[in-house]
Amino acid sequence: MGRATNPEAEIANAEPVSYERLLAACYEDMRRMARAIMVGDGMRLKLQPTDLVNEASLRLIQSMPGKIADEGHMLAVAGRTMRRVLIDEARRFRAAKRVAPAILTQFPGGQQDDVVDVEDLDRALAALEAFSAEHARVVELRFTLGLTVEETARATGLPERTVKRRWQAARAWLIDYLAPAQA
């Protein structure tokens, strides 16, 4: 274990090592490090551990060509570089949030994976209201307020069967209206 205590001296005294060989030897360790660094990052960064390793590797090639002494040094520098990549990505994420991102919501009465952009849904509901205020009222009560068919019937004074028919018709209309937006 006779490692030098001074990293600069270690690099200066080291035999030249091929970056490609070091990367191949360290790649799986770097992926494990990336997964560990990214655990619980809270922000939904669009970066996978492999992407993080690849970006860090590119930065290392650009900034430290021929200056990596051995696998241990490579992993230490790669860890710092990956943290810098994540910080840069988080900054981009925060900057992008200032530009009103599309917010998705579950489609009224749809399946779990039936999500639409909130702004598209708002436009569709406004168009439905212009087409039929009665149908839009049922959607508002059922979807926006989360009322059941029975509660909607009581709130509107309509028979339950009429509420069901309007709900089904309004959903069909909205599906048709939103189809181009979801494609």
C-alpha atoms as a PDB file:
ATOM      1  CA  MET A   1       0.000   0.000   0.000  1.00  0.00           C
ATOM      2  CA  GLY A   2       2.884   2.362  -0.535  1.00  0.00           C
ATOM      3  CA  ARG A   3       0.849   5.135  -2.145  1.00  0.00           C
ATOM      4  CA  ALA A   4       2.229   8.648  -2.353  1.00  0.00           C
ATOM      5  CA  THR A   5       0.491  11.134  -0.080  1.00  0.00           C
ATOM      6  CA  ASN A   6       0.889  13.974  -2.562  1.00  0.00           C
ATOM      7  CA  PRO A   7      -1.387  13.477  -5.610  1.00  0.00           C
ATOM      8  CA  GLU A   8       0.649  15.893  -7.752  1.00  0.00           C
ATOM      9  CA  ALA A   9       3.838  13.923  -7.038  1.00  0.00           C
ATOM     10  CA  GLU A  10       1.983  10.710  -7.816  1.00  0.00           C
ATOM     11  CA  ILE A  11       0.894  12.072 -11.190  1.00  0.00           C
ATOM     12  CA  ALA A  12       4.338  13.487 -11.985  1.00  0.00           C
ATOM     13  CA  ASN A  13       6.061  10.171 -11.192  1.00  0.00           C
ATOM     14  CA  ALA A  14       3.460   7.969 -12.849  1.00  0.00           C
ATOM     15  CA  GLU A  15       4.020   6.085 -16.057  1.00  0.00           C
ATOM     16  CA  PRO A  16       1.818   7.414 -18.862  1.00  0.00           C
ATOM     17  CA  VAL A  17      -1.415   5.433 -18.820  1.00  0.00           C
ATOM     18  CA  SER A  18      -3.859   5.179 -21.690  1.00  0.00           C
ATOM     19  CA  TYR A  19      -7.066   7.026 -20.884  1.00  0.00           C
ATOM     20  CA  GLU A  20      -9.039   4.435 -22.847  1.00  0.00           C
ATOM     21  CA  ARG A  21      -7.542   1.621 -20.742  1.00  0.00           C
ATOM     22  CA  LEU A  22      -8.302   3.481 -17.522  1.00  0.00           C
ATOM     23  CA  LEU A  23     -11.845   4.216 -18.642  1.00  0.00           C
ATOM     24  CA  ALA A  24     -12.439   0.582 -19.555  1.00  0.00           C
ATOM     25  CA  ALA A  25     -11.043  -0.553 -16.196  1.00  0.00           C
ATOM     26  CA  CYS A  26     -13.070   2.002 -14.211  1.00  0.00           C
ATOM     27  CA  TYR A  27     -16.310   2.173 -16.203  1.00  0.00           C
ATOM     28  CA  GLU A  28     -18.413  -0.150 -14.019  1.00  0.00           C
ATOM     29  CA  ASP A  29     -17.104   1.497 -10.841  1.00  0.00           C
ATOM     30  CA  MET A  30     -17.979   4.885 -12.320  1.00  0.00           C
ATOM     31  CA  ARG A  31     -21.517   3.658 -13.088  1.00  0.00           C
ATOM     32  CA  ARG A  32     -21.911   2.460  -9.486  1.00  0.00           C
ATOM     33  CA  MET A  33     -20.669   5.849  -8.288  1.00  0.00           C
ATOM     34  CA  ALA A  34     -23.114   7.617 -10.604  1.00  0.00           C
ATOM     35  CA  ARG A  35     -26.055   5.576  -9.284  1.00  0.00           C
ATOM     36  CA  ALA A  36     -24.993   6.340  -5.701  1.00  0.00           C
ATOM     37  CA  ILE A  37     -24.580  10.060  -6.412  1.00  0.00           C
ATOM     38  CA  MET A  38     -27.991  10.265  -8.092  1.00  0.00           C
ATOM     39  CA  VAL A  39     -29.978   8.439  -5.376  1.00  0.00           C
ATOM     40  CA  GLY A  40     -32.641  10.718  -3.947  1.00  0.00           C
ATOM     41  CA  ASP A  41     -31.728  13.673  -6.124  1.00  0.00           C
ATOM     42  CA  GLY A  42     -35.265  14.982  -5.580  1.00  0.00           C
ATOM     43  CA  MET A  43     -35.264  16.874  -8.850  1.00  0.00           C
ATOM     44  CA  ARG A  44     -36.419  14.918 -11.850  1.00  0.00           C
ATOM     45  CA  LEU A  45     -33.289  15.466 -13.853  1.00  0.00           C
ATOM     46  CA  LYS A  46     -33.405  13.884 -17.272  1.00  0.00           C
ATOM     47  CA  LEU A  47     -30.085  12.188 -16.725  1.00  0.00           C
ATOM     48  CA  GLN A  48     -29.430   8.481 -16.287  1.00  0.00           C
ATOM     49  CA  PRO A  49     -26.316   7.114 -14.529  1.00  0.00           C
ATOM     50  CA  THR A  50     -24.822   6.053 -17.878  1.00  0.00           C
ATOM     51  CA  ASP A  51     -25.403   9.561 -19.260  1.00  0.00           C
ATOM     52  CA  LEU A  52     -23.697  11.002 -16.201  1.00  0.00           C
ATOM     53  CA  VAL A  53     -20.669   8.717 -16.666  1.00  0.00           C
ATOM     54  CA  ASN A  54     -20.455   9.563 -20.361  1.00  0.00           C
ATOM     55  CA  GLU A  55     -20.676  13.320 -19.763  1.00  0.00           C
ATOM     56  CA  ALA A  56     -18.066  13.125 -16.991  1.00  0.00           C
ATOM     57  CA  SER A  57     -15.782  11.067 -19.250  1.00  0.00           C
ATOM     58  CA  LEU A  58     -16.032  13.666 -22.011  1.00  0.00           C
ATOM     59  CA  ARG A  59     -15.189  16.443 -19.581  1.00  0.00           C
ATOM     60  CA  LEU A  60     -12.224  14.453 -18.268  1.00  0.00           C
ATOM     61  CA  ILE A  61     -10.890  13.897 -21.777  1.00  0.00           C
ATOM     62  CA  GLN A  62     -11.158  17.628 -22.500  1.00  0.00           C
ATOM     63  CA  SER A  63      -9.695  18.898 -19.237  1.00  0.00           C
ATOM     64  CA  MET A  64      -7.137  16.290 -18.169  1.00  0.00           C
ATOM     65  CA  PRO A  65      -5.675  14.520 -21.197  1.00  0.00           C
ATOM     66  CA  GLY A  66      -2.758  12.369 -20.029  1.00  0.00           C
ATOM     67  CA  LYS A  67      -2.919  13.689 -16.458  1.00  0.00           C
ATOM     68  CA  ILE A  68      -4.630  10.703 -14.807  1.00  0.00           C
ATOM     69  CA  ALA A  69      -2.161   8.571 -12.829  1.00  0.00           C
ATOM     70  CA  ASP A  70      -4.079   5.374 -12.120  1.00  0.00           C
ATOM     71  CA  GLU A  71      -7.513   3.855 -11.505  1.00  0.00           C
ATOM     72  CA  GLY A  72      -7.819   5.318  -7.994  1.00  0.00           C
ATOM     73  CA  HIS A  73      -7.019   8.796  -9.247  1.00  0.00           C
ATOM     74  CA  MET A  74      -9.401   8.312 -12.184  1.00  0.00           C
ATOM     75  CA  LEU A  75     -12.256   7.385  -9.825  1.00  0.00           C
ATOM     76  CA  ALA A  76     -11.563  10.320  -7.496  1.00  0.00           C
ATOM     77  CA  VAL A  77     -11.483  12.824 -10.347  1.00  0.00           C
ATOM     78  CA  ALA A  78     -14.502  11.177 -12.015  1.00  0.00           C
ATOM     79  CA  GLY A  79     -16.513  11.488  -8.789  1.00  0.00           C
ATOM     80  CA  ARG A  80     -15.828  15.224  -8.564  1.00  0.00           C
ATOM     81  CA  THR A  81     -16.567  15.652 -12.258  1.00  0.00           C
ATOM     82  CA  MET A  82     -19.881  13.783 -11.966  1.00  0.00           C
ATOM     83  CA  ARG A  83     -20.934  16.044  -9.102  1.00  0.00           C
ATOM     84  CA  ARG A  84     -20.108  19.078 -11.267  1.00  0.00           C
ATOM     85  CA  VAL A  85     -22.159  17.619 -14.130  1.00  0.00           C
ATOM     86  CA  LEU A  86     -25.124  17.132 -11.768  1.00  0.00           C
ATOM     87  CA  ILE A  87     -24.801  20.686 -10.476  1.00  0.00           C
ATOM     88  CA  ASP A  88     -24.771  22.034 -14.034  1.00  0.00           C
ATOM     89  CA  GLU A  89     -27.789  19.880 -14.899  1.00  0.00           C
ATOM     90  CA  ALA A  90     -29.645  21.067 -11.774  1.00  0.00           C
ATOM     91  CA  ARG A  91     -28.962  24.683 -12.746  1.00  0.00           C
ATOM     92  CA  ARG A  92     -30.341  24.042 -16.232  1.00  0.00           C
ATOM     93  CA  PHE A  93     -33.367  22.335 -14.661  1.00  0.00           C
ATOM     94  CA  ARG A  94     -34.053  25.300 -12.369  1.00  0.00           C
ATOM     95  CA  ALA A  95     -33.604  27.752 -15.242  1.00  0.00           C
ATOM     96  CA  ALA A  96     -36.022  25.739 -17.380  1.00  0.00           C
ATOM     97  CA  LYS A  97     -38.597  25.771 -14.566  1.00  0.00           C
ATOM     98  CA  ARG A  98     -38.750  29.552 -14.872  1.00  0.00           C
ATOM     99  CA  VAL A  99     -40.138  29.026 -18.386  1.00  0.00           C
ATOM    100  CA  ALA A 100     -43.521  27.567 -17.328  1.00  0.00           C
ATOM    101  CA  PRO A 101     -43.066  23.875 -18.124  1.00  0.00           C
ATOM    102  CA  ALA A 102     -45.937  21.775 -19.394  1.00  0.00           C
ATOM    103  CA  ILE A 103     -47.784  20.302 -16.438  1.00  0.00           C
ATOM    104  CA  LEU A 104     -49.512  17.019 -17.030  1.00  0.00           C
ATOM    105  CA  THR A 105     -52.658  15.769 -15.367  1.00  0.00           C
ATOM    106  CA  GLN A 106     -54.737  12.635 -15.558  1.00  0.00           C
ATOM    107  CA  PHE A 107     -57.427  12.825 -18.202  1.00  0.00           C
ATOM    108  CA  PRO A 108     -60.984  13.137 -16.784  1.00  0.00           C
ATOM    109  CA  GLY A 109     -62.128   9.633 -15.945  1.00  0.00           C
ATOM    110  CA  GLY A 110     -59.246   8.154 -17.904  1.00  0.00           C
ATOM    111  CA  GLN A 111     -56.729   5.465 -17.111  1.00  0.00           C
ATOM    112  CA  GLN A 112     -53.550   6.069 -15.102  1.00  0.00           C
ATOM    113  CA  ASP A 113     -51.499   6.654 -18.254  1.00  0.00           C
ATOM    114  CA  ASP A 114     -54.068   8.981 -19.887  1.00  0.00           C
ATOM    115  CA  VAL A 115     -52.340  12.259 -19.103  1.00  0.00           C
ATOM    116  CA  VAL A 116     -52.662  15.544 -20.939  1.00  0.00           C
ATOM    117  CA  ASP A 117     -51.059  18.946 -20.720  1.00  0.00           C
ATOM    118  CA  VAL A 118     -52.998  21.120 -18.275  1.00  0.00           C
ATOM    119  CA  GLU A 119     -53.083  24.019 -20.732  1.00  0.00           C
ATOM    120  CA  ASP A 120     -54.482  21.763 -23.489  1.00  0.00           C
ATOM    121  CA  LEU A 121     -57.147  20.468 -21.111  1.00  0.00           C
ATOM    122  CA  ASP A 122     -58.098  24.011 -20.100  1.00  0.00           C
ATOM    123  CA  ARG A 123     -58.555  24.999 -23.757  1.00  0.00           C
ATOM    124  CA  ALA A 124     -60.629  21.861 -24.344  1.00  0.00           C
ATOM    125  CA  LEU A 125     -62.895  22.609 -21.377  1.00  0.00           C
ATOM    126  CA  ALA A 126     -63.402  26.192 -22.591  1.00  0.00           C
ATOM    127  CA  ALA A 127     -64.345  24.869 -26.032  1.00  0.00           C
ATOM    128  CA  LEU A 128     -66.715  22.338 -24.453  1.00  0.00           C
ATOM    129  CA  GLU A 129     -68.365  25.107 -22.457  1.00  0.00           C
ATOM    130  CA  ALA A 130     -68.905  27.104 -25.645  1.00  0.00           C
ATOM    131  CA  PHE A 131     -70.397  23.995 -27.244  1.00  0.00           C
ATOM    132  CA  SER A 132     -72.521  22.863 -24.269  1.00  0.00           C
ATOM    133  CA  ALA A 133     -72.520  24.605 -20.902  1.00  0.00           C
ATOM    134  CA  GLU A 134     -74.519  21.709 -19.369  1.00  0.00           C
ATOM    135  CA  HIS A 135     -71.890  19.139 -20.330  1.00  0.00           C
ATOM    136  CA  ALA A 136     -69.074  21.433 -19.192  1.00  0.00           C
ATOM    137  CA  ARG A 137     -70.776  21.831 -15.799  1.00  0.00           C
ATOM    138  CA  VAL A 138     -70.873  18.045 -15.333  1.00  0.00           C
ATOM    139  CA  VAL A 139     -67.175  17.783 -16.237  1.00  0.00           C
ATOM    140  CA  GLU A 140     -66.343  20.620 -13.863  1.00  0.00           C
ATOM    141  CA  LEU A 141     -68.144  18.929 -10.990  1.00  0.00           C
ATOM    142  CA  ARG A 142     -66.904  15.413 -11.746  1.00  0.00           C
ATOM    143  CA  PHE A 143     -63.327  16.157 -12.757  1.00  0.00           C
ATOM    144  CA  THR A 144     -62.373  19.442 -11.147  1.00  0.00           C
ATOM    145  CA  LEU A 145     -64.228  18.948  -7.882  1.00  0.00           C
ATOM    146  CA  GLY A 146     -64.052  15.145  -7.869  1.00  0.00           C
ATOM    147  CA  LEU A 147     -67.757  14.582  -7.222  1.00  0.00           C
ATOM    148  CA  THR A 148     -69.357  11.203  -7.862  1.00  0.00           C
ATOM    149  CA  VAL A 149     -72.281  10.748 -10.259  1.00  0.00           C
ATOM    150  CA  GLU A 150     -74.680  10.809  -7.309  1.00  0.00           C
ATOM    151  CA  GLU A 151     -73.149  13.977  -5.841  1.00  0.00           C
ATOM    152  CA  THR A 152     -73.154  15.657  -9.260  1.00  0.00           C
ATOM    153  CA  ALA A 153     -76.829  14.744  -9.704  1.00  0.00           C
ATOM    154  CA  ARG A 154     -77.677  16.307  -6.342  1.00  0.00           C
ATOM    155  CA  ALA A 155     -75.607  19.435  -7.107  1.00  0.00           C
ATOM    156  CA  THR A 156     -77.240  19.976 -10.512  1.00  0.00           C
ATOM    157  CA  GLY A 157     -80.722  18.704  -9.705  1.00  0.00           C
ATOM    158  CA  LEU A 158     -80.503  16.287 -12.642  1.00  0.00           C
ATOM    159  CA  PRO A 159     -81.345  12.582 -12.625  1.00  0.00           C
ATOM    160  CA  GLU A 160     -78.281  10.337 -12.210  1.00  0.00           C
ATOM    161  CA  ARG A 161     -78.888   8.786 -15.635  1.00  0.00           C
ATOM    162  CA  THR A 162     -78.706  12.243 -17.280  1.00  0.00           C
ATOM    163  CA  VAL A 163     -75.463  13.013 -15.417  1.00  0.00           C
ATOM    164  CA  LYS A 164     -73.976   9.695 -16.629  1.00  0.00           C
ATOM    165  CA  ARG A 165     -75.000  10.389 -20.231  1.00  0.00           C
ATOM    166  CA  ARG A 166     -73.593  13.924 -20.139  1.00  0.00           C
ATOM    167  CA  TRP A 167     -70.394  12.691 -18.519  1.00  0.00           C
ATOM    168  CA  GLN A 168     -69.924  10.001 -21.175  1.00  0.00           C
ATOM    169  CA  ALA A 169     -70.724  12.405 -24.004  1.00  0.00           C
ATOM    170  CA  ALA A 170     -68.427  15.107 -22.592  1.00  0.00           C
ATOM    171  CA  ARG A 171     -65.564  12.620 -22.151  1.00  0.00           C
ATOM    172  CA  ALA A 172     -65.994  11.420 -25.742  1.00  0.00           C
ATOM    173  CA  TRP A 173     -66.036  15.023 -26.964  1.00  0.00           C
ATOM    174  CA  LEU A 174     -62.895  15.860 -24.940  1.00  0.00           C
ATOM    175  CA  ILE A 175     -61.075  12.753 -26.187  1.00  0.00           C
ATOM    176  CA  ASP A 176     -61.857  13.752 -29.753  1.00  0.00           C
ATOM    177  CA  TYR A 177     -60.858  17.374 -29.128  1.00  0.00           C
ATOM    178  CA  LEU A 178     -57.589  16.462 -27.398  1.00  0.00           C
ATOM    179  CA  ALA A 179     -56.561  13.684 -29.788  1.00  0.00           C
ATOM    180  CA  PRO A 180     -54.362  15.947 -31.970  1.00  0.00           C
ATOM    181  CA  ALA A 181     -52.749  17.506 -28.870  1.00  0.00           C
ATOM    182  CA  GLN A 182     -51.767  14.108 -27.473  1.00  0.00           C
ATOM    183  CA  ALA A 183     -50.292  12.835 -30.744  1.00  0.00           C
END
